[in-house]
Amino acid sequence: MNMSVLTLQEYEFEKQFNENEAIQWMQENWKKSFLFSALYAAFIFGGRHLMNKRAKFELRKPLVLWSLTLAVFSIFGALRTGAYMVYILMTKGLKQSVCDQGFYNGPV
């Protein structure tokens, strides 16, 4: 399998992505993840406590819509990156697909 077969069209937002800026932002803001995790846990357990004695909401339709949307998003993501991943696995092996940071310079 040669790389010309796997040429992926880059979208405009992919061309404009600045990985150095993203890495810098993550390094400067990693502590916020603890705050967001604590807020999430408080929301979940607090909500469970508040709703303990109340009537249940009928959320089947919104959950089906959410699951369908998530499935479609995941399928598009797999189609977008799958061919390139198979190429790396077949030509360079599992270690290269996991350990190498070359994906920063990859086609997508």
PDB file of N, CA and C in Angstrom:
ATOM      1  N   MET A   1       0.865  -1.178   0.000  1.00  0.00           N
ATOM      2  CA  MET A   1       0.000   0.000   0.000  1.00  0.00           C
ATOM      3  C   MET A   1       0.905   1.232   0.000  1.00  0.00           C
ATOM      4  N   ASN A   2       0.734   2.092  -0.962  1.00  0.00           N
ATOM      5  CA  ASN A   2       1.589   3.279  -0.948  1.00  0.00           C
ATOM      6  C   ASN A   2       0.817   4.486  -0.450  1.00  0.00           C
ATOM      7  N   MET A   3       1.574   5.495  -0.036  1.00  0.00           N
ATOM      8  CA  MET A   3       0.972   6.662   0.623  1.00  0.00           C
ATOM      9  C   MET A   3       0.120   7.479  -0.330  1.00  0.00           C
ATOM     10  N   SER A   4       0.389   7.411  -1.638  1.00  0.00           N
ATOM     11  CA  SER A   4      -0.411   8.195  -2.576  1.00  0.00           C
ATOM     12  C   SER A   4      -1.853   7.727  -2.586  1.00  0.00           C
ATOM     13  N   VAL A   5      -2.074   6.447  -2.299  1.00  0.00           N
ATOM     14  CA  VAL A   5      -3.436   5.926  -2.220  1.00  0.00           C
ATOM     15  C   VAL A   5      -4.164   6.545  -1.032  1.00  0.00           C
ATOM     16  N   LEU A   6      -3.408   6.876   0.012  1.00  0.00           N
ATOM     17  CA  LEU A   6      -4.006   7.373   1.242  1.00  0.00           C
ATOM     18  C   LEU A   6      -3.979   8.892   1.362  1.00  0.00           C
ATOM     19  N   THR A   7      -3.779   9.563   0.255  1.00  0.00           N
ATOM     20  CA  THR A   7      -3.761  11.017   0.316  1.00  0.00           C
ATOM     21  C   THR A   7      -5.114  11.504   0.801  1.00  0.00           C
ATOM     22  N   LEU A   8      -5.080  12.223   1.889  1.00  0.00           N
ATOM     23  CA  LEU A   8      -6.306  12.726   2.480  1.00  0.00           C
ATOM     24  C   LEU A   8      -6.428  14.209   2.210  1.00  0.00           C
ATOM     25  N   GLN A   9      -7.596  14.618   1.811  1.00  0.00           N
ATOM     26  CA  GLN A   9      -7.840  16.036   1.595  1.00  0.00           C
ATOM     27  C   GLN A   9      -7.895  16.723   2.949  1.00  0.00           C
ATOM     28  N   GLU A  10      -7.105  17.763   3.095  1.00  0.00           N
ATOM     29  CA  GLU A  10      -7.130  18.518   4.340  1.00  0.00           C
ATOM     30  C   GLU A  10      -8.240  19.558   4.274  1.00  0.00           C
ATOM     31  N   TYR A  11      -8.975  19.662   5.354  1.00  0.00           N
ATOM     32  CA  TYR A  11      -9.984  20.704   5.454  1.00  0.00           C
ATOM     33  C   TYR A  11      -9.316  21.987   5.929  1.00  0.00           C
ATOM     34  N   GLU A  12      -9.992  23.099   5.725  1.00  0.00           N
ATOM     35  CA  GLU A  12      -9.409  24.395   6.064  1.00  0.00           C
ATOM     36  C   GLU A  12      -9.039  24.487   7.553  1.00  0.00           C
ATOM     37  N   PHE A  13      -9.909  23.981   8.448  1.00  0.00           N
ATOM     38  CA  PHE A  13      -9.599  24.054   9.878  1.00  0.00           C
ATOM     39  C   PHE A  13      -8.381  23.208  10.234  1.00  0.00           C
ATOM     40  N   GLU A  14      -8.124  22.146   9.454  1.00  0.00           N
ATOM     41  CA  GLU A  14      -6.935  21.328   9.705  1.00  0.00           C
ATOM     42  C   GLU A  14      -5.669  22.053   9.251  1.00  0.00           C
ATOM     43  N   LYS A  15      -5.766  22.792   8.153  1.00  0.00           N
ATOM     44  CA  LYS A  15      -4.615  23.548   7.663  1.00  0.00           C
ATOM     45  C   LYS A  15      -4.240  24.666   8.625  1.00  0.00           C
ATOM     46  N   GLN A  16      -5.224  25.235   9.304  1.00  0.00           N
ATOM     47  CA  GLN A  16      -4.990  26.368  10.186  1.00  0.00           C
ATOM     48  C   GLN A  16      -4.633  25.955  11.615  1.00  0.00           C
ATOM     49  N   PHE A  17      -4.678  24.653  11.920  1.00  0.00           N
ATOM     50  CA  PHE A  17      -4.398  24.192  13.275  1.00  0.00           C
ATOM     51  C   PHE A  17      -2.928  24.396  13.613  1.00  0.00           C
ATOM     52  N   ASN A  18      -2.673  25.025  14.736  1.00  0.00           N
ATOM     53  CA  ASN A  18      -1.308  25.284  15.192  1.00  0.00           C
ATOM     54  C   ASN A  18      -1.031  24.367  16.380  1.00  0.00           C
ATOM     55  N   GLU A  19      -0.302  23.272  16.131  1.00  0.00           N
ATOM     56  CA  GLU A  19      -0.080  22.291  17.192  1.00  0.00           C
ATOM     57  C   GLU A  19       0.773  22.847  18.324  1.00  0.00           C
ATOM     58  N   ASN A  20       1.708  23.734  18.030  1.00  0.00           N
ATOM     59  CA  ASN A  20       2.535  24.321  19.092  1.00  0.00           C
ATOM     60  C   ASN A  20       1.690  25.172  20.035  1.00  0.00           C
ATOM     61  N   GLU A  21       0.764  25.911  19.471  1.00  0.00           N
ATOM     62  CA  GLU A  21      -0.137  26.721  20.289  1.00  0.00           C
ATOM     63  C   GLU A  21      -1.042  25.829  21.151  1.00  0.00           C
ATOM     64  N   ALA A  22      -1.513  24.722  20.568  1.00  0.00           N
ATOM     65  CA  ALA A  22      -2.361  23.793  21.317  1.00  0.00           C
ATOM     66  C   ALA A  22      -1.587  23.135  22.461  1.00  0.00           C
ATOM     67  N   ILE A  23      -0.371  22.720  22.182  1.00  0.00           N
ATOM     68  CA  ILE A  23       0.463  22.100  23.222  1.00  0.00           C
ATOM     69  C   ILE A  23       0.741  23.102  24.337  1.00  0.00           C
ATOM     70  N   GLN A  24       1.055  24.326  23.972  1.00  0.00           N
ATOM     71  CA  GLN A  24       1.320  25.354  24.979  1.00  0.00           C
ATOM     72  C   GLN A  24       0.090  25.591  25.845  1.00  0.00           C
ATOM     73  N   TRP A  25      -1.091  25.657  25.217  1.00  0.00           N
ATOM     74  CA  TRP A  25      -2.326  25.876  25.979  1.00  0.00           C
ATOM     75  C   TRP A  25      -2.557  24.725  26.960  1.00  0.00           C
ATOM     76  N   MET A  26      -2.346  23.495  26.498  1.00  0.00           N
ATOM     77  CA  MET A  26      -2.537  22.332  27.376  1.00  0.00           C
ATOM     78  C   MET A  26      -1.549  22.358  28.544  1.00  0.00           C
ATOM     79  N   GLN A  27      -0.320  22.731  28.286  1.00  0.00           N
ATOM     80  CA  GLN A  27       0.676  22.791  29.354  1.00  0.00           C
ATOM     81  C   GLN A  27       0.351  23.881  30.367  1.00  0.00           C
ATOM     82  N   GLU A  28      -0.243  24.968  29.915  1.00  0.00           N
ATOM     83  CA  GLU A  28      -0.578  26.066  30.822  1.00  0.00           C
ATOM     84  C   GLU A  28      -1.874  25.821  31.596  1.00  0.00           C
ATOM     85  N   ASN A  29      -2.754  24.978  31.089  1.00  0.00           N
ATOM     86  CA  ASN A  29      -4.096  24.836  31.665  1.00  0.00           C
ATOM     87  C   ASN A  29      -4.424  23.437  32.182  1.00  0.00           C
ATOM     88  N   TRP A  30      -3.432  22.581  32.360  1.00  0.00           N
ATOM     89  CA  TRP A  30      -3.718  21.212  32.772  1.00  0.00           C
ATOM     90  C   TRP A  30      -4.369  21.141  34.149  1.00  0.00           C
ATOM     91  N   LYS A  31      -4.121  22.105  35.006  1.00  0.00           N
ATOM     92  CA  LYS A  31      -4.687  22.089  36.361  1.00  0.00           C
ATOM     93  C   LYS A  31      -6.202  22.264  36.343  1.00  0.00           C
ATOM     94  N   LYS A  32      -6.731  22.882  35.302  1.00  0.00           N
ATOM     95  CA  LYS A  32      -8.182  23.087  35.198  1.00  0.00           C
ATOM     96  C   LYS A  32      -8.939  21.763  35.103  1.00  0.00           C
ATOM     97  N   SER A  33      -8.282  20.725  34.629  1.00  0.00           N
ATOM     98  CA  SER A  33      -8.962  19.434  34.503  1.00  0.00           C
ATOM     99  C   SER A  33      -9.407  18.909  35.869  1.00  0.00           C
ATOM    100  N   PHE A  34      -8.654  19.203  36.921  1.00  0.00           N
ATOM    101  CA  PHE A  34      -9.048  18.781  38.259  1.00  0.00           C
ATOM    102  C   PHE A  34     -10.306  19.521  38.726  1.00  0.00           C
ATOM    103  N   LEU A  35     -10.367  20.811  38.442  1.00  0.00           N
ATOM    104  CA  LEU A  35     -11.542  21.603  38.788  1.00  0.00           C
ATOM    105  C   LEU A  35     -12.773  21.083  38.051  1.00  0.00           C
ATOM    106  N   PHE A  36     -12.641  20.859  36.739  1.00  0.00           N
ATOM    107  CA  PHE A  36     -13.775  20.382  35.958  1.00  0.00           C
ATOM    108  C   PHE A  36     -14.209  18.982  36.400  1.00  0.00           C
ATOM    109  N   SER A  37     -13.264  18.139  36.768  1.00  0.00           N
ATOM    110  CA  SER A  37     -13.604  16.797  37.261  1.00  0.00           C
ATOM    111  C   SER A  37     -14.361  16.877  38.581  1.00  0.00           C
ATOM    112  N   ALA A  38     -13.927  17.744  39.472  1.00  0.00           N
ATOM    113  CA  ALA A  38     -14.609  17.911  40.766  1.00  0.00           C
ATOM    114  C   ALA A  38     -16.019  18.470  40.562  1.00  0.00           C
ATOM    115  N   LEU A  39     -16.163  19.452  39.678  1.00  0.00           N
ATOM    116  CA  LEU A  39     -17.498  19.998  39.385  1.00  0.00           C
ATOM    117  C   LEU A  39     -18.410  18.940  38.783  1.00  0.00           C
ATOM    118  N   TYR A  40     -17.871  18.127  37.896  1.00  0.00           N
ATOM    119  CA  TYR A  40     -18.655  17.052  37.284  1.00  0.00           C
ATOM    120  C   TYR A  40     -19.129  16.059  38.342  1.00  0.00           C
ATOM    121  N   ALA A  41     -18.214  15.636  39.218  1.00  0.00           N
ATOM    122  CA  ALA A  41     -18.582  14.688  40.275  1.00  0.00           C
ATOM    123  C   ALA A  41     -19.631  15.298  41.203  1.00  0.00           C
ATOM    124  N   ALA A  42     -19.468  16.573  41.560  1.00  0.00           N
ATOM    125  CA  ALA A  42     -20.447  17.241  42.425  1.00  0.00           C
ATOM    126  C   ALA A  42     -21.807  17.309  41.735  1.00  0.00           C
ATOM    127  N   PHE A  43     -21.818  17.606  40.470  1.00  0.00           N
ATOM    128  CA  PHE A  43     -23.068  17.672  39.704  1.00  0.00           C
ATOM    129  C   PHE A  43     -23.756  16.314  39.663  1.00  0.00           C
ATOM    130  N   ILE A  44     -23.004  15.268  39.404  1.00  0.00           N
ATOM    131  CA  ILE A  44     -23.581  13.916  39.311  1.00  0.00           C
ATOM    132  C   ILE A  44     -24.132  13.472  40.668  1.00  0.00           C
ATOM    133  N   PHE A  45     -23.303  13.531  41.706  1.00  0.00           N
ATOM    134  CA  PHE A  45     -23.756  13.061  43.014  1.00  0.00           C
ATOM    135  C   PHE A  45     -24.788  13.994  43.635  1.00  0.00           C
ATOM    136  N   GLY A  46     -24.619  15.311  43.437  1.00  0.00           N
ATOM    137  CA  GLY A  46     -25.610  16.270  43.928  1.00  0.00           C
ATOM    138  C   GLY A  46     -26.942  16.104  43.215  1.00  0.00           C
ATOM    139  N   GLY A  47     -26.895  15.903  41.913  1.00  0.00           N
ATOM    140  CA  GLY A  47     -28.115  15.681  41.143  1.00  0.00           C
ATOM    141  C   GLY A  47     -28.812  14.403  41.549  1.00  0.00           C
ATOM    142  N   ARG A  48     -28.046  13.372  41.786  1.00  0.00           N
ATOM    143  CA  ARG A  48     -28.630  12.103  42.237  1.00  0.00           C
ATOM    144  C   ARG A  48     -29.329  12.288  43.584  1.00  0.00           C
ATOM    145  N   HIS A  49     -28.694  13.040  44.480  1.00  0.00           N
ATOM    146  CA  HIS A  49     -29.270  13.298  45.803  1.00  0.00           C
ATOM    147  C   HIS A  49     -30.558  14.127  45.680  1.00  0.00           C
ATOM    148  N   LEU A  50     -30.539  15.163  44.850  1.00  0.00           N
ATOM    149  CA  LEU A  50     -31.721  16.010  44.670  1.00  0.00           C
ATOM    150  C   LEU A  50     -32.886  15.270  44.013  1.00  0.00           C
ATOM    151  N   MET A  51     -32.579  14.369  43.100  1.00  0.00           N
ATOM    152  CA  MET A  51     -33.627  13.690  42.344  1.00  0.00           C
ATOM    153  C   MET A  51     -34.078  12.384  43.003  1.00  0.00           C
ATOM    154  N   ASN A  52     -33.518  12.057  44.138  1.00  0.00           N
ATOM    155  CA  ASN A  52     -33.798  10.782  44.797  1.00  0.00           C
ATOM    156  C   ASN A  52     -35.290  10.564  45.058  1.00  0.00           C
ATOM    157  N   LYS A  53     -35.992  11.570  45.488  1.00  0.00           N
ATOM    158  CA  LYS A  53     -37.401  11.420  45.862  1.00  0.00           C
ATOM    159  C   LYS A  53     -38.358  11.984  44.811  1.00  0.00           C
ATOM    160  N   ARG A  54     -37.850  12.443  43.698  1.00  0.00           N
ATOM    161  CA  ARG A  54     -38.692  13.043  42.667  1.00  0.00           C
ATOM    162  C   ARG A  54     -39.063  12.022  41.603  1.00  0.00           C
ATOM    163  N   ALA A  55     -40.064  12.382  40.814  1.00  0.00           N
ATOM    164  CA  ALA A  55     -40.484  11.510  39.704  1.00  0.00           C
ATOM    165  C   ALA A  55     -39.401  11.501  38.626  1.00  0.00           C
ATOM    166  N   LYS A  56     -39.275  10.372  37.958  1.00  0.00           N
ATOM    167  CA  LYS A  56     -38.268  10.232  36.913  1.00  0.00           C
ATOM    168  C   LYS A  56     -38.671  11.027  35.680  1.00  0.00           C
ATOM    169  N   PHE A  57     -37.653  11.549  34.982  1.00  0.00           N
ATOM    170  CA  PHE A  57     -37.887  12.205  33.701  1.00  0.00           C
ATOM    171  C   PHE A  57     -37.946  11.131  32.614  1.00  0.00           C
ATOM    172  N   GLU A  58     -38.715  11.389  31.581  1.00  0.00           N
ATOM    173  CA  GLU A  58     -38.758  10.481  30.430  1.00  0.00           C
ATOM    174  C   GLU A  58     -37.720  10.974  29.420  1.00  0.00           C
ATOM    175  N   LEU A  59     -36.555  10.360  29.426  1.00  0.00           N
ATOM    176  CA  LEU A  59     -35.445  10.822  28.602  1.00  0.00           C
ATOM    177  C   LEU A  59     -35.049   9.843  27.511  1.00  0.00           C
ATOM    178  N   ARG A  60     -35.892   8.882  27.222  1.00  0.00           N
ATOM    179  CA  ARG A  60     -35.539   7.872  26.228  1.00  0.00           C
ATOM    180  C   ARG A  60     -35.259   8.494  24.857  1.00  0.00           C
ATOM    181  N   LYS A  61     -36.132   9.384  24.384  1.00  0.00           N
ATOM    182  CA  LYS A  61     -35.934   9.976  23.052  1.00  0.00           C
ATOM    183  C   LYS A  61     -34.678  10.837  22.984  1.00  0.00           C
ATOM    184  N   PRO A  62     -34.424  11.732  23.960  1.00  0.00           N
ATOM    185  CA  PRO A  62     -33.160  12.489  23.892  1.00  0.00           C
ATOM    186  C   PRO A  62     -31.926  11.588  23.966  1.00  0.00           C
ATOM    187  N   LEU A  63     -31.988  10.512  24.744  1.00  0.00           N
ATOM    188  CA  LEU A  63     -30.842   9.608  24.833  1.00  0.00           C
ATOM    189  C   LEU A  63     -30.630   8.831  23.544  1.00  0.00           C
ATOM    190  N   VAL A  64     -31.714   8.459  22.875  1.00  0.00           N
ATOM    191  CA  VAL A  64     -31.584   7.793  21.572  1.00  0.00           C
ATOM    192  C   VAL A  64     -30.959   8.750  20.568  1.00  0.00           C
ATOM    193  N   LEU A  65     -31.409  10.002  20.555  1.00  0.00           N
ATOM    194  CA  LEU A  65     -30.839  11.007  19.659  1.00  0.00           C
ATOM    195  C   LEU A  65     -29.359  11.227  19.965  1.00  0.00           C
ATOM    196  N   TRP A  66     -29.019  11.325  21.242  1.00  0.00           N
ATOM    197  CA  TRP A  66     -27.620  11.501  21.647  1.00  0.00           C
ATOM    198  C   TRP A  66     -26.774  10.319  21.178  1.00  0.00           C
ATOM    199  N   SER A  67     -27.261   9.115  21.400  1.00  0.00           N
ATOM    200  CA  SER A  67     -26.504   7.916  21.016  1.00  0.00           C
ATOM    201  C   SER A  67     -26.335   7.835  19.501  1.00  0.00           C
ATOM    202  N   LEU A  68     -27.369   8.162  18.770  1.00  0.00           N
ATOM    203  CA  LEU A  68     -27.290   8.140  17.313  1.00  0.00           C
ATOM    204  C   LEU A  68     -26.280   9.177  16.808  1.00  0.00           C
ATOM    205  N   THR A  69     -26.339  10.378  17.364  1.00  0.00           N
ATOM    206  CA  THR A  69     -25.401  11.432  16.973  1.00  0.00           C
ATOM    207  C   THR A  69     -23.966  11.032  17.297  1.00  0.00           C
ATOM    208  N   LEU A  70     -23.751  10.455  18.456  1.00  0.00           N
ATOM    209  CA  LEU A  70     -22.413  10.018  18.850  1.00  0.00           C
ATOM    210  C   LEU A  70     -21.916   8.900  17.936  1.00  0.00           C
ATOM    211  N   ALA A  71     -22.805   7.984  17.565  1.00  0.00           N
ATOM    212  CA  ALA A  71     -22.420   6.898  16.662  1.00  0.00           C
ATOM    213  C   ALA A  71     -22.030   7.435  15.288  1.00  0.00           C
ATOM    214  N   VAL A  72     -22.798   8.370  14.756  1.00  0.00           N
ATOM    215  CA  VAL A  72     -22.482   8.957  13.449  1.00  0.00           C
ATOM    216  C   VAL A  72     -21.149   9.702  13.505  1.00  0.00           C
ATOM    217  N   PHE A  73     -20.941  10.478  14.562  1.00  0.00           N
ATOM    218  CA  PHE A  73     -19.675  11.198  14.744  1.00  0.00           C
ATOM    219  C   PHE A  73     -18.500  10.209  14.797  1.00  0.00           C
ATOM    220  N   SER A  74     -18.665   9.122  15.523  1.00  0.00           N
ATOM    221  CA  SER A  74     -17.599   8.124  15.657  1.00  0.00           C
ATOM    222  C   SER A  74     -17.308   7.439  14.325  1.00  0.00           C
ATOM    223  N   ILE A  75     -18.342   7.163  13.557  1.00  0.00           N
ATOM    224  CA  ILE A  75     -18.153   6.539  12.243  1.00  0.00           C
ATOM    225  C   ILE A  75     -17.367   7.472  11.330  1.00  0.00           C
ATOM    226  N   PHE A  76     -17.734   8.758  11.300  1.00  0.00           N
ATOM    227  CA  PHE A  76     -16.991   9.715  10.485  1.00  0.00           C
ATOM    228  C   PHE A  76     -15.537   9.813  10.932  1.00  0.00           C
ATOM    229  N   GLY A  77     -15.305   9.824  12.232  1.00  0.00           N
ATOM    230  CA  GLY A  77     -13.935   9.873  12.741  1.00  0.00           C
ATOM    231  C   GLY A  77     -13.133   8.638  12.349  1.00  0.00           C
ATOM    232  N   ALA A  78     -13.763   7.475  12.420  1.00  0.00           N
ATOM    233  CA  ALA A  78     -13.077   6.235  12.048  1.00  0.00           C
ATOM    234  C   ALA A  78     -12.769   6.215  10.552  1.00  0.00           C
ATOM    235  N   LEU A  79     -13.708   6.668   9.746  1.00  0.00           N
ATOM    236  CA  LEU A  79     -13.467   6.719   8.303  1.00  0.00           C
ATOM    237  C   LEU A  79     -12.373   7.727   7.951  1.00  0.00           C
ATOM    238  N   ARG A  80     -12.340   8.828   8.669  1.00  0.00           N
ATOM    239  CA  ARG A  80     -11.369   9.890   8.396  1.00  0.00           C
ATOM    240  C   ARG A  80      -9.950   9.451   8.725  1.00  0.00           C
ATOM    241  N   THR A  81      -9.766   8.680   9.776  1.00  0.00           N
ATOM    242  CA  THR A  81      -8.422   8.326  10.234  1.00  0.00           C
ATOM    243  C   THR A  81      -8.046   6.860  10.032  1.00  0.00           C
ATOM    244  N   GLY A  82      -9.024   6.014   9.746  1.00  0.00           N
ATOM    245  CA  GLY A  82      -8.782   4.572   9.694  1.00  0.00           C
ATOM    246  C   GLY A  82      -7.781   4.128   8.648  1.00  0.00           C
ATOM    247  N   ALA A  83      -7.890   4.645   7.417  1.00  0.00           N
ATOM    248  CA  ALA A  83      -6.993   4.221   6.346  1.00  0.00           C
ATOM    249  C   ALA A  83      -5.544   4.566   6.676  1.00  0.00           C
ATOM    250  N   TYR A  84      -5.330   5.746   7.220  1.00  0.00           N
ATOM    251  CA  TYR A  84      -3.975   6.146   7.589  1.00  0.00           C
ATOM    252  C   TYR A  84      -3.431   5.265   8.712  1.00  0.00           C
ATOM    253  N   MET A  85      -4.274   4.940   9.669  1.00  0.00           N
ATOM    254  CA  MET A  85      -3.852   4.073  10.775  1.00  0.00           C
ATOM    255  C   MET A  85      -3.480   2.679  10.269  1.00  0.00           C
ATOM    256  N   VAL A  86      -4.286   2.128   9.372  1.00  0.00           N
ATOM    257  CA  VAL A  86      -3.978   0.812   8.801  1.00  0.00           C
ATOM    258  C   VAL A  86      -2.655   0.867   8.043  1.00  0.00           C
ATOM    259  N   TYR A  87      -2.435   1.943   7.293  1.00  0.00           N
ATOM    260  CA  TYR A  87      -1.176   2.109   6.567  1.00  0.00           C
ATOM    261  C   TYR A  87       0.014   2.097   7.527  1.00  0.00           C
ATOM    262  N   ILE A  88      -0.057   2.845   8.605  1.00  0.00           N
ATOM    263  CA  ILE A  88       1.043   2.887   9.580  1.00  0.00           C
ATOM    264  C   ILE A  88       1.253   1.509  10.208  1.00  0.00           C
ATOM    265  N   LEU A  89       0.175   0.835  10.578  1.00  0.00           N
ATOM    266  CA  LEU A  89       0.298  -0.493  11.186  1.00  0.00           C
ATOM    267  C   LEU A  89       0.927  -1.495  10.223  1.00  0.00           C
ATOM    268  N   MET A  90       0.518  -1.455   8.962  1.00  0.00           N
ATOM    269  CA  MET A  90       1.004  -2.437   7.992  1.00  0.00           C
ATOM    270  C   MET A  90       2.451  -2.160   7.563  1.00  0.00           C
ATOM    271  N   THR A  91       2.845  -0.905   7.506  1.00  0.00           N
ATOM    272  CA  THR A  91       4.180  -0.598   7.011  1.00  0.00           C
ATOM    273  C   THR A  91       5.211  -0.392   8.122  1.00  0.00           C
ATOM    274  N   LYS A  92       4.777   0.099   9.272  1.00  0.00           N
ATOM    275  CA  LYS A  92       5.750   0.439  10.312  1.00  0.00           C
ATOM    276  C   LYS A  92       5.516  -0.271  11.640  1.00  0.00           C
ATOM    277  N   GLY A  93       4.376  -0.918  11.804  1.00  0.00           N
ATOM    278  CA  GLY A  93       4.131  -1.713  12.988  1.00  0.00           C
ATOM    279  C   GLY A  93       3.412  -0.985  14.112  1.00  0.00           C
ATOM    280  N   LEU A  94       3.047  -1.772  15.129  1.00  0.00           N
ATOM    281  CA  LEU A  94       2.272  -1.265  16.263  1.00  0.00           C
ATOM    282  C   LEU A  94       3.054  -0.221  17.066  1.00  0.00           C
ATOM    283  N   LYS A  95       4.334  -0.481  17.297  1.00  0.00           N
ATOM    284  CA  LYS A  95       5.127   0.463  18.100  1.00  0.00           C
ATOM    285  C   LYS A  95       5.125   1.850  17.465  1.00  0.00           C
ATOM    286  N   GLN A  96       5.324   1.911  16.176  1.00  0.00           N
ATOM    287  CA  GLN A  96       5.344   3.197  15.490  1.00  0.00           C
ATOM    288  C   GLN A  96       3.986   3.894  15.586  1.00  0.00           C
ATOM    289  N   SER A  97       2.906   3.130  15.532  1.00  0.00           N
ATOM    290  CA  SER A  97       1.571   3.731  15.585  1.00  0.00           C
ATOM    291  C   SER A  97       1.246   4.278  16.971  1.00  0.00           C
ATOM    292  N   VAL A  98       1.890   3.736  18.011  1.00  0.00           N
ATOM    293  CA  VAL A  98       1.608   4.164  19.372  1.00  0.00           C
ATOM    294  C   VAL A  98       2.620   5.197  19.873  1.00  0.00           C
ATOM    295  N   CYS A  99       3.879   4.981  19.600  1.00  0.00           N
ATOM    296  CA  CYS A  99       4.938   5.768  20.234  1.00  0.00           C
ATOM    297  C   CYS A  99       5.414   6.974  19.434  1.00  0.00           C
ATOM    298  N   ASP A 100       5.217   6.985  18.148  1.00  0.00           N
ATOM    299  CA  ASP A 100       5.757   8.062  17.334  1.00  0.00           C
ATOM    300  C   ASP A 100       4.861   9.286  17.375  1.00  0.00           C
ATOM    301  N   GLN A 101       5.468  10.465  17.367  1.00  0.00           N
ATOM    302  CA  GLN A 101       4.706  11.707  17.352  1.00  0.00           C
ATOM    303  C   GLN A 101       4.584  12.268  15.941  1.00  0.00           C
ATOM    304  N   GLY A 102       4.841  11.456  14.951  1.00  0.00           N
ATOM    305  CA  GLY A 102       4.769  11.884  13.563  1.00  0.00           C
ATOM    306  C   GLY A 102       3.361  12.282  13.137  1.00  0.00           C
ATOM    307  N   PHE A 103       2.362  11.900  13.918  1.00  0.00           N
ATOM    308  CA  PHE A 103       0.986  12.268  13.552  1.00  0.00           C
ATOM    309  C   PHE A 103       0.801  13.780  13.548  1.00  0.00           C
ATOM    310  N   TYR A 104       1.693  14.511  14.218  1.00  0.00           N
ATOM    311  CA  TYR A 104       1.610  15.975  14.173  1.00  0.00           C
ATOM    312  C   TYR A 104       1.878  16.488  12.754  1.00  0.00           C
ATOM    313  N   ASN A 105       2.676  15.721  12.017  1.00  0.00           N
ATOM    314  CA  ASN A 105       3.032  16.125  10.649  1.00  0.00           C
ATOM    315  C   ASN A 105       2.287  15.303   9.609  1.00  0.00           C
ATOM    316  N   GLY A 106       1.392  14.430  10.038  1.00  0.00           N
ATOM    317  CA  GLY A 106       0.662  13.572   9.120  1.00  0.00           C
ATOM    318  C   GLY A 106      -0.290  14.360   8.238  1.00  0.00           C
ATOM    319  N   PRO A 107      -0.922  13.660   7.310  1.00  0.00           N
ATOM    320  CA  PRO A 107      -1.800  14.354   6.373  1.00  0.00           C
ATOM    321  C   PRO A 107      -3.036  14.982   7.023  1.00  0.00           C
ATOM    322  N   VAL A 108      -3.475  14.435   8.123  1.00  0.00           N
ATOM    323  CA  VAL A 108      -4.664  14.999   8.800  1.00  0.00           C
ATOM    324  C   VAL A 108      -4.348  15.171  10.268  1.00  0.00           C
TER     325      VAL A 108
END
